[in-house]
Amino acid sequence: MFEHTSSNEKLNTVPHTEKLQMSFLEAHRYALILAEQREMLPADLSLVPLAPKAFAKDVDLMPLLLDLWALDEKVRLALFEQLIALQEQKEASPISALLIAHCDIKQLSRHLSEIQFRRYLQQSGWLRLVDPRVWIQLPRILGAREVARLFGPVQQWSVCLYGDWIVTLPPAQETPEALKPLHLALRWPALLRVGIVNRALAHLGWLSYLQAQAQSELLDALVYQGQSKHQLFRTEELVAYACLGIHCGLAFDEHPIALAAIAGLDRDEPDASIVDALNEIPQEQWEIIQKETHSKMYATQLLLKANNGR
């Protein structure tokens, strides 16, 4: 039906931001839509639910797949014009992702349904990978080999993240990273922390791809530290703890000022939290903590690279 040249030949494998144009949009045969985006699209579109068998009862929460090339030309062009206008206006998109895939919709829907279900030991869960905020975190957590499996028959997966369209391609299989798959025991808890990391990014106002890429690893390490070191389990506490530490590094709560604040916490109070104690530290003392722990942050980054996916 269409004779489009795949843009894979033109693009670097590093994810990048794309300014939408008709030629770019027309190269994509499929679109992914989150359940909450459905009402933003015409009601008569033919959409295929992407529901893993284990979540068949929750089909209304599952994402949807649209074959763009099967649409009437006027409908398709109107949708593309809408996407271009929304990007220019920095408004929310009715589409989560655009895919280039040279397979039929039945094969693609089966693949996309299966990869959303994750299992580890006696635990299982829904990997909300159609959400762009989750998708961009997965290379850091899963590693190149597993991310390549998620792509499957998809040659290009472009996501709309906070109004920007980010183009991602399957990772090269011959890279050293691809040959060293991360152990599932490390990946599983990191996947469970993705939502908290994204909430922390939103709380900090870091709503771009570059900011997410630069800060997610340290935020994740801080969330893990809050859980393992301080037994913080409520999402709001973990977000607050990570946001307090992000400008100082993992050692921020070992600074004498922070230790004194934590030591003054009334442990007999049922809702006592070290986050409340840390929030009592005046701004000028936080500046001291940041200055004196900043020199340790380089070592922190080396540690993170050594323990990626914890």
C-alpha atoms as a PDB file:
ATOM      1  CA  MET A   1       0.000   0.000   0.000  1.00  0.00           C
ATOM      2  CA  PHE A   2       2.833   2.392   0.880  1.00  0.00           C
ATOM      3  CA  GLU A   3       6.354   2.596  -0.502  1.00  0.00           C
ATOM      4  CA  HIS A   4       8.189   4.258   2.392  1.00  0.00           C
ATOM      5  CA  THR A   5      11.901   4.001   3.021  1.00  0.00           C
ATOM      6  CA  SER A   6      12.651   3.047   6.593  1.00  0.00           C
ATOM      7  CA  SER A   7      14.324   5.935   8.393  1.00  0.00           C
ATOM      8  CA  ASN A   8      16.588   3.435  10.173  1.00  0.00           C
ATOM      9  CA  GLU A   9      19.106   3.968   7.384  1.00  0.00           C
ATOM     10  CA  LYS A  10      19.326   7.665   8.192  1.00  0.00           C
ATOM     11  CA  LEU A  11      19.329   7.674  11.981  1.00  0.00           C
ATOM     12  CA  ASN A  12      22.005   7.161  14.557  1.00  0.00           C
ATOM     13  CA  THR A  13      21.229   4.374  17.019  1.00  0.00           C
ATOM     14  CA  VAL A  14      21.337   6.892  19.887  1.00  0.00           C
ATOM     15  CA  PRO A  15      17.804   8.091  20.796  1.00  0.00           C
ATOM     16  CA  HIS A  16      17.118  11.617  19.622  1.00  0.00           C
ATOM     17  CA  THR A  17      14.327  14.188  19.481  1.00  0.00           C
ATOM     18  CA  GLU A  18      12.401  14.476  16.213  1.00  0.00           C
ATOM     19  CA  LYS A  19      10.454  17.478  14.935  1.00  0.00           C
ATOM     20  CA  LEU A  20       7.369  15.945  13.345  1.00  0.00           C
ATOM     21  CA  GLN A  21       6.930  16.243   9.590  1.00  0.00           C
ATOM     22  CA  MET A  22       4.602  14.423   7.237  1.00  0.00           C
ATOM     23  CA  SER A  23       7.403  12.354   5.670  1.00  0.00           C
ATOM     24  CA  PHE A  24       8.460  11.112   9.109  1.00  0.00           C
ATOM     25  CA  LEU A  25       4.895  10.296  10.188  1.00  0.00           C
ATOM     26  CA  GLU A  26       3.988   8.495   6.971  1.00  0.00           C
ATOM     27  CA  ALA A  27       6.882   6.061   7.446  1.00  0.00           C
ATOM     28  CA  HIS A  28       5.165   4.664  10.552  1.00  0.00           C
ATOM     29  CA  ARG A  29       2.540   2.027   9.974  1.00  0.00           C
ATOM     30  CA  TYR A  30       1.380   1.563  13.570  1.00  0.00           C
ATOM     31  CA  ALA A  31       0.453   3.705  16.557  1.00  0.00           C
ATOM     32  CA  LEU A  32       0.222   2.779  20.235  1.00  0.00           C
ATOM     33  CA  ILE A  33      -2.425   4.367  22.425  1.00  0.00           C
ATOM     34  CA  LEU A  34      -2.685   4.221  26.199  1.00  0.00           C
ATOM     35  CA  ALA A  35      -6.124   3.420  27.604  1.00  0.00           C
ATOM     36  CA  GLU A  36      -6.411   6.925  29.041  1.00  0.00           C
ATOM     37  CA  GLN A  37      -5.725   8.427  25.581  1.00  0.00           C
ATOM     38  CA  ARG A  38      -8.598   6.584  23.894  1.00  0.00           C
ATOM     39  CA  GLU A  39     -11.145   9.348  24.430  1.00  0.00           C
ATOM     40  CA  MET A  40      -8.855  11.813  22.623  1.00  0.00           C
ATOM     41  CA  LEU A  41      -9.309   9.930  19.326  1.00  0.00           C
ATOM     42  CA  PRO A  42     -12.342   9.443  17.046  1.00  0.00           C
ATOM     43  CA  ALA A  43     -14.699   6.808  18.415  1.00  0.00           C
ATOM     44  CA  ASP A  44     -14.955   4.881  15.131  1.00  0.00           C
ATOM     45  CA  LEU A  45     -11.276   3.934  14.830  1.00  0.00           C
ATOM     46  CA  SER A  46     -10.527   0.216  14.620  1.00  0.00           C
ATOM     47  CA  LEU A  47      -8.253  -0.417  17.620  1.00  0.00           C
ATOM     48  CA  VAL A  48      -6.754  -3.717  18.758  1.00  0.00           C
ATOM     49  CA  PRO A  49      -6.427  -4.210  22.545  1.00  0.00           C
ATOM     50  CA  LEU A  50      -2.964  -5.351  23.657  1.00  0.00           C
ATOM     51  CA  ALA A  51      -3.792  -7.535  26.643  1.00  0.00           C
ATOM     52  CA  PRO A  52      -1.557 -10.327  27.972  1.00  0.00           C
ATOM     53  CA  LYS A  53      -3.579 -13.483  28.690  1.00  0.00           C
ATOM     54  CA  ALA A  54      -2.946 -13.069  32.415  1.00  0.00           C
ATOM     55  CA  PHE A  55      -4.668  -9.670  32.331  1.00  0.00           C
ATOM     56  CA  ALA A  56      -7.568 -10.468  30.013  1.00  0.00           C
ATOM     57  CA  LYS A  57     -10.034  -9.320  32.688  1.00  0.00           C
ATOM     58  CA  ASP A  58      -8.364  -5.911  32.751  1.00  0.00           C
ATOM     59  CA  VAL A  59      -8.580  -5.294  29.012  1.00  0.00           C
ATOM     60  CA  ASP A  60     -10.042  -1.801  29.572  1.00  0.00           C
ATOM     61  CA  LEU A  61      -6.747  -0.783  31.217  1.00  0.00           C
ATOM     62  CA  MET A  62      -4.570  -2.174  28.448  1.00  0.00           C
ATOM     63  CA  PRO A  63      -3.026  -0.158  25.597  1.00  0.00           C
ATOM     64  CA  LEU A  64      -4.329  -0.259  22.039  1.00  0.00           C
ATOM     65  CA  LEU A  65      -2.776  -0.755  18.607  1.00  0.00           C
ATOM     66  CA  LEU A  66      -3.833   1.174  15.506  1.00  0.00           C
ATOM     67  CA  ASP A  67      -2.887   0.356  11.906  1.00  0.00           C
ATOM     68  CA  LEU A  68      -2.390   3.814  10.442  1.00  0.00           C
ATOM     69  CA  TRP A  69      -2.055   2.564   6.894  1.00  0.00           C
ATOM     70  CA  ALA A  70      -5.499   0.953   7.104  1.00  0.00           C
ATOM     71  CA  LEU A  71      -7.143   4.325   7.788  1.00  0.00           C
ATOM     72  CA  ASP A  72      -8.888   6.381   5.143  1.00  0.00           C
ATOM     73  CA  GLU A  73      -6.311   8.795   3.735  1.00  0.00           C
ATOM     74  CA  LYS A  74      -8.204  11.882   4.896  1.00  0.00           C
ATOM     75  CA  VAL A  75      -8.523  10.494   8.423  1.00  0.00           C
ATOM     76  CA  ARG A  76      -4.838   9.568   8.540  1.00  0.00           C
ATOM     77  CA  LEU A  77      -3.654  12.947   7.263  1.00  0.00           C
ATOM     78  CA  ALA A  78      -5.935  14.764   9.706  1.00  0.00           C
ATOM     79  CA  LEU A  79      -4.448  12.744  12.558  1.00  0.00           C
ATOM     80  CA  PHE A  80      -0.905  13.513  11.404  1.00  0.00           C
ATOM     81  CA  GLU A  81      -1.727  17.222  11.135  1.00  0.00           C
ATOM     82  CA  GLN A  82      -3.104  17.081  14.670  1.00  0.00           C
ATOM     83  CA  LEU A  83       0.104  15.467  15.971  1.00  0.00           C
ATOM     84  CA  ILE A  84       2.243  18.146  14.308  1.00  0.00           C
ATOM     85  CA  ALA A  85       0.085  20.948  15.730  1.00  0.00           C
ATOM     86  CA  LEU A  86       0.101  19.441  19.221  1.00  0.00           C
ATOM     87  CA  GLN A  87       3.905  19.184  19.213  1.00  0.00           C
ATOM     88  CA  GLU A  88       4.211  22.826  18.157  1.00  0.00           C
ATOM     89  CA  GLN A  89       1.781  23.841  20.921  1.00  0.00           C
ATOM     90  CA  LYS A  90       3.475  21.522  23.458  1.00  0.00           C
ATOM     91  CA  GLU A  91       0.104  19.913  24.169  1.00  0.00           C
ATOM     92  CA  ALA A  92      -0.675  16.310  25.149  1.00  0.00           C
ATOM     93  CA  SER A  93      -0.640  13.792  22.323  1.00  0.00           C
ATOM     94  CA  PRO A  94      -3.465  11.277  21.730  1.00  0.00           C
ATOM     95  CA  ILE A  95      -0.804   8.751  20.681  1.00  0.00           C
ATOM     96  CA  SER A  96       1.864   7.279  22.938  1.00  0.00           C
ATOM     97  CA  ALA A  97       4.173   5.818  20.293  1.00  0.00           C
ATOM     98  CA  LEU A  98       4.649   5.374  16.562  1.00  0.00           C
ATOM     99  CA  LEU A  99       6.138   2.146  15.236  1.00  0.00           C
ATOM    100  CA  ILE A 100       7.841   1.068  12.036  1.00  0.00           C
ATOM    101  CA  ALA A 101       7.276  -2.671  11.645  1.00  0.00           C
ATOM    102  CA  HIS A 102       7.101  -4.771   8.488  1.00  0.00           C
ATOM    103  CA  CYS A 103       4.648  -7.356   9.776  1.00  0.00           C
ATOM    104  CA  ASP A 104       0.889  -7.707   9.916  1.00  0.00           C
ATOM    105  CA  ILE A 105      -1.145  -6.382  12.802  1.00  0.00           C
ATOM    106  CA  LYS A 106      -1.923  -9.863  14.130  1.00  0.00           C
ATOM    107  CA  GLN A 107       1.766 -10.748  14.554  1.00  0.00           C
ATOM    108  CA  LEU A 108       2.587  -7.365  16.072  1.00  0.00           C
ATOM    109  CA  SER A 109      -0.349  -7.368  18.497  1.00  0.00           C
ATOM    110  CA  ARG A 110       0.614 -10.840  19.723  1.00  0.00           C
ATOM    111  CA  HIS A 111       4.201  -9.742  20.334  1.00  0.00           C
ATOM    112  CA  LEU A 112       3.230  -6.483  22.068  1.00  0.00           C
ATOM    113  CA  SER A 113       0.750  -8.301  24.294  1.00  0.00           C
ATOM    114  CA  GLU A 114       3.225 -10.974  25.361  1.00  0.00           C
ATOM    115  CA  ILE A 115       6.086  -8.629  26.283  1.00  0.00           C
ATOM    116  CA  GLN A 116       3.934  -6.694  28.760  1.00  0.00           C
ATOM    117  CA  PHE A 117       3.714  -9.687  31.114  1.00  0.00           C
ATOM    118  CA  ARG A 118       6.698 -10.198  33.410  1.00  0.00           C
ATOM    119  CA  ARG A 119       7.349 -13.013  35.865  1.00  0.00           C
ATOM    120  CA  TYR A 120      10.019 -13.505  38.531  1.00  0.00           C
ATOM    121  CA  LEU A 121       9.890 -16.472  40.915  1.00  0.00           C
ATOM    122  CA  GLN A 122       6.384 -16.387  42.432  1.00  0.00           C
ATOM    123  CA  GLN A 123       5.753 -12.790  41.364  1.00  0.00           C
ATOM    124  CA  SER A 124       4.235 -11.515  38.155  1.00  0.00           C
ATOM    125  CA  GLY A 125       3.228  -8.104  36.904  1.00  0.00           C
ATOM    126  CA  TRP A 126       2.276  -5.816  34.067  1.00  0.00           C
ATOM    127  CA  LEU A 127       5.177  -3.973  32.453  1.00  0.00           C
ATOM    128  CA  ARG A 128       3.590  -0.725  31.301  1.00  0.00           C
ATOM    129  CA  LEU A 129       6.116  -0.300  28.495  1.00  0.00           C
ATOM    130  CA  VAL A 130       3.710   1.534  26.194  1.00  0.00           C
ATOM    131  CA  ASP A 131       3.985   4.463  28.615  1.00  0.00           C
ATOM    132  CA  PRO A 132       6.887   6.561  27.216  1.00  0.00           C
ATOM    133  CA  ARG A 133       8.089   7.360  30.746  1.00  0.00           C
ATOM    134  CA  VAL A 134       8.605   3.636  31.298  1.00  0.00           C
ATOM    135  CA  TRP A 135       9.961   2.832  27.829  1.00  0.00           C
ATOM    136  CA  ILE A 136      12.890   5.255  28.087  1.00  0.00           C
ATOM    137  CA  GLN A 137      13.926   3.739  31.440  1.00  0.00           C
ATOM    138  CA  LEU A 138      14.102   0.160  30.177  1.00  0.00           C
ATOM    139  CA  PRO A 139      17.565   0.205  28.497  1.00  0.00           C
ATOM    140  CA  ARG A 140      19.093   1.281  31.813  1.00  0.00           C
ATOM    141  CA  ILE A 141      17.337  -1.506  33.697  1.00  0.00           C
ATOM    142  CA  LEU A 142      17.104  -4.429  31.288  1.00  0.00           C
ATOM    143  CA  GLY A 143      20.237  -4.126  29.176  1.00  0.00           C
ATOM    144  CA  ALA A 144      20.648  -4.281  25.412  1.00  0.00           C
ATOM    145  CA  ARG A 145      19.797  -7.950  24.856  1.00  0.00           C
ATOM    146  CA  GLU A 146      16.454  -7.785  26.666  1.00  0.00           C
ATOM    147  CA  VAL A 147      15.526  -4.457  25.068  1.00  0.00           C
ATOM    148  CA  ALA A 148      16.199  -5.982  21.635  1.00  0.00           C
ATOM    149  CA  ARG A 149      13.731  -8.742  22.562  1.00  0.00           C
ATOM    150  CA  LEU A 150      11.122  -6.112  23.432  1.00  0.00           C
ATOM    151  CA  PHE A 151      11.533  -4.511  20.002  1.00  0.00           C
ATOM    152  CA  GLY A 152      10.952  -7.885  18.306  1.00  0.00           C
ATOM    153  CA  PRO A 153       9.700  -7.141  14.766  1.00  0.00           C
ATOM    154  CA  VAL A 154       9.713  -3.373  15.373  1.00  0.00           C
ATOM    155  CA  GLN A 155      12.470  -1.502  13.501  1.00  0.00           C
ATOM    156  CA  GLN A 156      11.795   1.893  15.064  1.00  0.00           C
ATOM    157  CA  TRP A 157       9.853   2.870  18.194  1.00  0.00           C
ATOM    158  CA  SER A 158       9.201   6.613  18.579  1.00  0.00           C
ATOM    159  CA  VAL A 159       7.599   7.814  21.810  1.00  0.00           C
ATOM    160  CA  CYS A 160       5.952  11.073  22.811  1.00  0.00           C
ATOM    161  CA  LEU A 161       7.597  12.116  26.079  1.00  0.00           C
ATOM    162  CA  TYR A 162       6.282  15.310  27.675  1.00  0.00           C
ATOM    163  CA  GLY A 163       5.444  16.728  24.240  1.00  0.00           C
ATOM    164  CA  ASP A 164       8.728  15.765  22.561  1.00  0.00           C
ATOM    165  CA  TRP A 165       8.963  12.862  20.131  1.00  0.00           C
ATOM    166  CA  ILE A 166      11.957  10.631  20.900  1.00  0.00           C
ATOM    167  CA  VAL A 167      13.133   8.136  18.275  1.00  0.00           C
ATOM    168  CA  THR A 168      14.538   4.855  19.624  1.00  0.00           C
ATOM    169  CA  LEU A 169      16.020   1.964  17.662  1.00  0.00           C
ATOM    170  CA  PRO A 170      16.874  -1.642  18.594  1.00  0.00           C
ATOM    171  CA  PRO A 171      20.285  -1.839  20.270  1.00  0.00           C
ATOM    172  CA  ALA A 172      23.170  -3.355  18.355  1.00  0.00           C
ATOM    173  CA  GLN A 173      23.557  -7.009  19.306  1.00  0.00           C
ATOM    174  CA  GLU A 174      27.337  -7.091  18.975  1.00  0.00           C
ATOM    175  CA  THR A 175      27.996  -4.487  21.678  1.00  0.00           C
ATOM    176  CA  PRO A 176      29.716  -5.537  24.935  1.00  0.00           C
ATOM    177  CA  GLU A 177      26.565  -4.486  26.821  1.00  0.00           C
ATOM    178  CA  ALA A 178      24.450  -6.902  24.815  1.00  0.00           C
ATOM    179  CA  LEU A 179      26.772  -9.766  25.668  1.00  0.00           C
ATOM    180  CA  LYS A 180      26.413  -9.126  29.423  1.00  0.00           C
ATOM    181  CA  PRO A 181      22.703  -9.547  30.259  1.00  0.00           C
ATOM    182  CA  LEU A 182      21.712  -8.275  33.674  1.00  0.00           C
ATOM    183  CA  HIS A 183      20.538 -10.886  36.159  1.00  0.00           C
ATOM    184  CA  LEU A 184      16.773 -11.001  36.584  1.00  0.00           C
ATOM    185  CA  ALA A 185      17.171 -10.808  40.368  1.00  0.00           C
ATOM    186  CA  LEU A 186      18.577  -7.300  39.814  1.00  0.00           C
ATOM    187  CA  ARG A 187      16.180  -6.262  37.058  1.00  0.00           C
ATOM    188  CA  TRP A 188      12.937  -7.149  38.839  1.00  0.00           C
ATOM    189  CA  PRO A 189      13.214  -4.763  41.834  1.00  0.00           C
ATOM    190  CA  ALA A 190      14.507  -2.024  39.519  1.00  0.00           C
ATOM    191  CA  LEU A 191      11.379  -2.421  37.364  1.00  0.00           C
ATOM    192  CA  LEU A 192       9.254  -2.026  40.485  1.00  0.00           C
ATOM    193  CA  ARG A 193      10.996   1.276  41.207  1.00  0.00           C
ATOM    194  CA  VAL A 194      10.388   2.844  37.771  1.00  0.00           C
ATOM    195  CA  GLY A 195       7.134   4.519  38.803  1.00  0.00           C
ATOM    196  CA  ILE A 196       8.770   6.097  41.855  1.00  0.00           C
ATOM    197  CA  VAL A 197      11.695   7.365  39.780  1.00  0.00           C
ATOM    198  CA  ASN A 198       9.298   8.943  37.283  1.00  0.00           C
ATOM    199  CA  ARG A 199       7.332  10.596  40.077  1.00  0.00           C
ATOM    200  CA  ALA A 200      10.568  12.037  41.427  1.00  0.00           C
ATOM    201  CA  LEU A 201      11.465  13.393  37.977  1.00  0.00           C
ATOM    202  CA  ALA A 202       8.027  15.033  37.750  1.00  0.00           C
ATOM    203  CA  HIS A 203       8.350  16.473  41.273  1.00  0.00           C
ATOM    204  CA  LEU A 204      11.699  18.004  40.323  1.00  0.00           C
ATOM    205  CA  GLY A 205      10.279  19.390  37.078  1.00  0.00           C
ATOM    206  CA  TRP A 206      12.710  17.384  34.972  1.00  0.00           C
ATOM    207  CA  LEU A 207      10.338  16.652  32.114  1.00  0.00           C
ATOM    208  CA  SER A 208      12.648  16.152  29.156  1.00  0.00           C
ATOM    209  CA  TYR A 209      14.347  13.088  27.734  1.00  0.00           C
ATOM    210  CA  LEU A 210      17.827  14.458  28.391  1.00  0.00           C
ATOM    211  CA  GLN A 211      17.011  15.255  32.024  1.00  0.00           C
ATOM    212  CA  ALA A 212      15.468  11.828  32.549  1.00  0.00           C
ATOM    213  CA  GLN A 213      18.503  10.116  31.042  1.00  0.00           C
ATOM    214  CA  ALA A 214      20.935  12.184  33.096  1.00  0.00           C
ATOM    215  CA  GLN A 215      19.208  11.823  36.468  1.00  0.00           C
ATOM    216  CA  SER A 216      17.253   8.543  36.513  1.00  0.00           C
ATOM    217  CA  GLU A 217      20.151   6.315  37.532  1.00  0.00           C
ATOM    218  CA  LEU A 218      21.022   8.339  40.626  1.00  0.00           C
ATOM    219  CA  LEU A 219      17.349   8.797  41.543  1.00  0.00           C
ATOM    220  CA  ASP A 220      16.874   5.026  41.318  1.00  0.00           C
ATOM    221  CA  ALA A 221      19.908   4.441  43.547  1.00  0.00           C
ATOM    222  CA  LEU A 222      18.504   6.914  46.070  1.00  0.00           C
ATOM    223  CA  VAL A 223      15.116   5.179  46.054  1.00  0.00           C
ATOM    224  CA  TYR A 224      16.842   1.834  46.602  1.00  0.00           C
ATOM    225  CA  GLN A 225      18.882   3.362  49.429  1.00  0.00           C
ATOM    226  CA  GLY A 226      15.753   4.757  51.039  1.00  0.00           C
ATOM    227  CA  GLN A 227      14.188   1.303  50.975  1.00  0.00           C
ATOM    228  CA  SER A 228      17.180  -0.762  52.069  1.00  0.00           C
ATOM    229  CA  LYS A 229      18.914   1.612  54.478  1.00  0.00           C
ATOM    230  CA  HIS A 230      16.017   3.506  56.043  1.00  0.00           C
ATOM    231  CA  GLN A 231      13.107   1.103  55.489  1.00  0.00           C
ATOM    232  CA  LEU A 232      11.059   3.691  53.625  1.00  0.00           C
ATOM    233  CA  PHE A 233       8.235   2.053  51.691  1.00  0.00           C
ATOM    234  CA  ARG A 234       5.574   4.701  51.090  1.00  0.00           C
ATOM    235  CA  THR A 235       5.881   6.166  47.601  1.00  0.00           C
ATOM    236  CA  GLU A 236       5.621   9.768  48.765  1.00  0.00           C
ATOM    237  CA  GLU A 237       8.431   9.226  51.299  1.00  0.00           C
ATOM    238  CA  LEU A 238      10.710   7.619  48.725  1.00  0.00           C
ATOM    239  CA  VAL A 239      10.074  10.410  46.213  1.00  0.00           C
ATOM    240  CA  ALA A 240      10.834  13.041  48.855  1.00  0.00           C
ATOM    241  CA  TYR A 241      13.978  11.219  50.011  1.00  0.00           C
ATOM    242  CA  ALA A 242      15.305  10.881  46.453  1.00  0.00           C
ATOM    243  CA  CYS A 243      14.575  14.541  45.673  1.00  0.00           C
ATOM    244  CA  LEU A 244      16.449  15.637  48.812  1.00  0.00           C
ATOM    245  CA  GLY A 245      19.510  13.613  47.865  1.00  0.00           C
ATOM    246  CA  ILE A 246      19.671  14.195  44.118  1.00  0.00           C
ATOM    247  CA  HIS A 247      21.836  17.327  44.319  1.00  0.00           C
ATOM    248  CA  CYS A 248      24.216  15.823  46.865  1.00  0.00           C
ATOM    249  CA  GLY A 249      24.672  12.145  45.987  1.00  0.00           C
ATOM    250  CA  LEU A 250      24.223   8.896  47.881  1.00  0.00           C
ATOM    251  CA  ALA A 251      26.313  10.039  50.841  1.00  0.00           C
ATOM    252  CA  PHE A 252      24.076  13.018  51.686  1.00  0.00           C
ATOM    253  CA  ASP A 253      22.450  11.338  54.698  1.00  0.00           C
ATOM    254  CA  GLU A 254      25.860  10.518  56.192  1.00  0.00           C
ATOM    255  CA  HIS A 255      26.857  14.159  56.474  1.00  0.00           C
ATOM    256  CA  PRO A 256      27.063  15.296  60.148  1.00  0.00           C
ATOM    257  CA  ILE A 257      24.252  17.813  59.639  1.00  0.00           C
ATOM    258  CA  ALA A 258      21.930  15.147  58.214  1.00  0.00           C
ATOM    259  CA  LEU A 259      22.946  12.616  60.868  1.00  0.00           C
ATOM    260  CA  ALA A 260      22.166  15.137  63.632  1.00  0.00           C
ATOM    261  CA  ALA A 261      18.719  15.785  62.137  1.00  0.00           C
ATOM    262  CA  ILE A 262      17.987  12.067  61.869  1.00  0.00           C
ATOM    263  CA  ALA A 263      19.238  11.470  65.423  1.00  0.00           C
ATOM    264  CA  GLY A 264      16.729  14.038  66.694  1.00  0.00           C
ATOM    265  CA  LEU A 265      13.784  12.134  65.216  1.00  0.00           C
ATOM    266  CA  ASP A 266      11.230  10.951  67.760  1.00  0.00           C
ATOM    267  CA  ARG A 267      11.128   7.222  66.995  1.00  0.00           C
ATOM    268  CA  ASP A 268       8.195   6.726  69.331  1.00  0.00           C
ATOM    269  CA  GLU A 269       5.920   8.657  67.005  1.00  0.00           C
ATOM    270  CA  PRO A 270       4.022   6.126  64.856  1.00  0.00           C
ATOM    271  CA  ASP A 271       4.352   8.208  61.692  1.00  0.00           C
ATOM    272  CA  ALA A 272       7.891   9.411  62.362  1.00  0.00           C
ATOM    273  CA  SER A 273       9.976   9.528  59.173  1.00  0.00           C
ATOM    274  CA  ILE A 274      13.550  10.536  58.492  1.00  0.00           C
ATOM    275  CA  VAL A 275      12.171  12.542  55.561  1.00  0.00           C
ATOM    276  CA  ASP A 276      10.401  14.831  58.056  1.00  0.00           C
ATOM    277  CA  ALA A 277      13.655  15.179  59.994  1.00  0.00           C
ATOM    278  CA  LEU A 278      15.640  15.989  56.850  1.00  0.00           C
ATOM    279  CA  ASN A 279      13.040  18.529  55.773  1.00  0.00           C
ATOM    280  CA  GLU A 280      13.694  20.446  58.987  1.00  0.00           C
ATOM    281  CA  ILE A 281      17.250  21.227  57.868  1.00  0.00           C
ATOM    282  CA  PRO A 282      17.516  24.934  56.885  1.00  0.00           C
ATOM    283  CA  GLN A 283      18.407  25.798  53.284  1.00  0.00           C
ATOM    284  CA  GLU A 284      21.775  27.288  54.226  1.00  0.00           C
ATOM    285  CA  GLN A 285      22.745  23.999  55.886  1.00  0.00           C
ATOM    286  CA  TRP A 286      21.626  22.064  52.798  1.00  0.00           C
ATOM    287  CA  GLU A 287      24.028  24.205  50.807  1.00  0.00           C
ATOM    288  CA  ILE A 288      26.812  23.100  53.143  1.00  0.00           C
ATOM    289  CA  ILE A 289      25.801  19.441  52.737  1.00  0.00           C
ATOM    290  CA  GLN A 290      25.730  19.822  48.966  1.00  0.00           C
ATOM    291  CA  LYS A 291      29.130  21.512  48.839  1.00  0.00           C
ATOM    292  CA  GLU A 292      30.831  19.000  51.124  1.00  0.00           C
ATOM    293  CA  THR A 293      29.306  15.896  49.541  1.00  0.00           C
ATOM    294  CA  HIS A 294      29.694  17.055  45.935  1.00  0.00           C
ATOM    295  CA  SER A 295      33.253  15.750  45.791  1.00  0.00           C
ATOM    296  CA  LYS A 296      31.907  12.276  46.536  1.00  0.00           C
ATOM    297  CA  MET A 297      29.440  12.300  43.661  1.00  0.00           C
ATOM    298  CA  TYR A 298      32.016  11.228  41.047  1.00  0.00           C
ATOM    299  CA  ALA A 299      32.704   8.111  43.112  1.00  0.00           C
ATOM    300  CA  THR A 300      28.946   7.634  43.351  1.00  0.00           C
ATOM    301  CA  GLN A 301      28.637   7.607  39.573  1.00  0.00           C
ATOM    302  CA  LEU A 302      31.361   4.961  39.287  1.00  0.00           C
ATOM    303  CA  LEU A 303      29.538   2.845  41.869  1.00  0.00           C
ATOM    304  CA  LEU A 304      26.281   3.169  39.957  1.00  0.00           C
ATOM    305  CA  LYS A 305      27.906   1.992  36.741  1.00  0.00           C
ATOM    306  CA  ALA A 306      29.355  -1.010  38.562  1.00  0.00           C
ATOM    307  CA  ASN A 307      25.997  -1.936  40.087  1.00  0.00           C
ATOM    308  CA  ASN A 308      23.607  -0.927  37.293  1.00  0.00           C
ATOM    309  CA  GLY A 309      20.140  -2.440  37.627  1.00  0.00           C
ATOM    310  CA  ARG A 310      20.320  -3.154  41.350  1.00  0.00           C
END
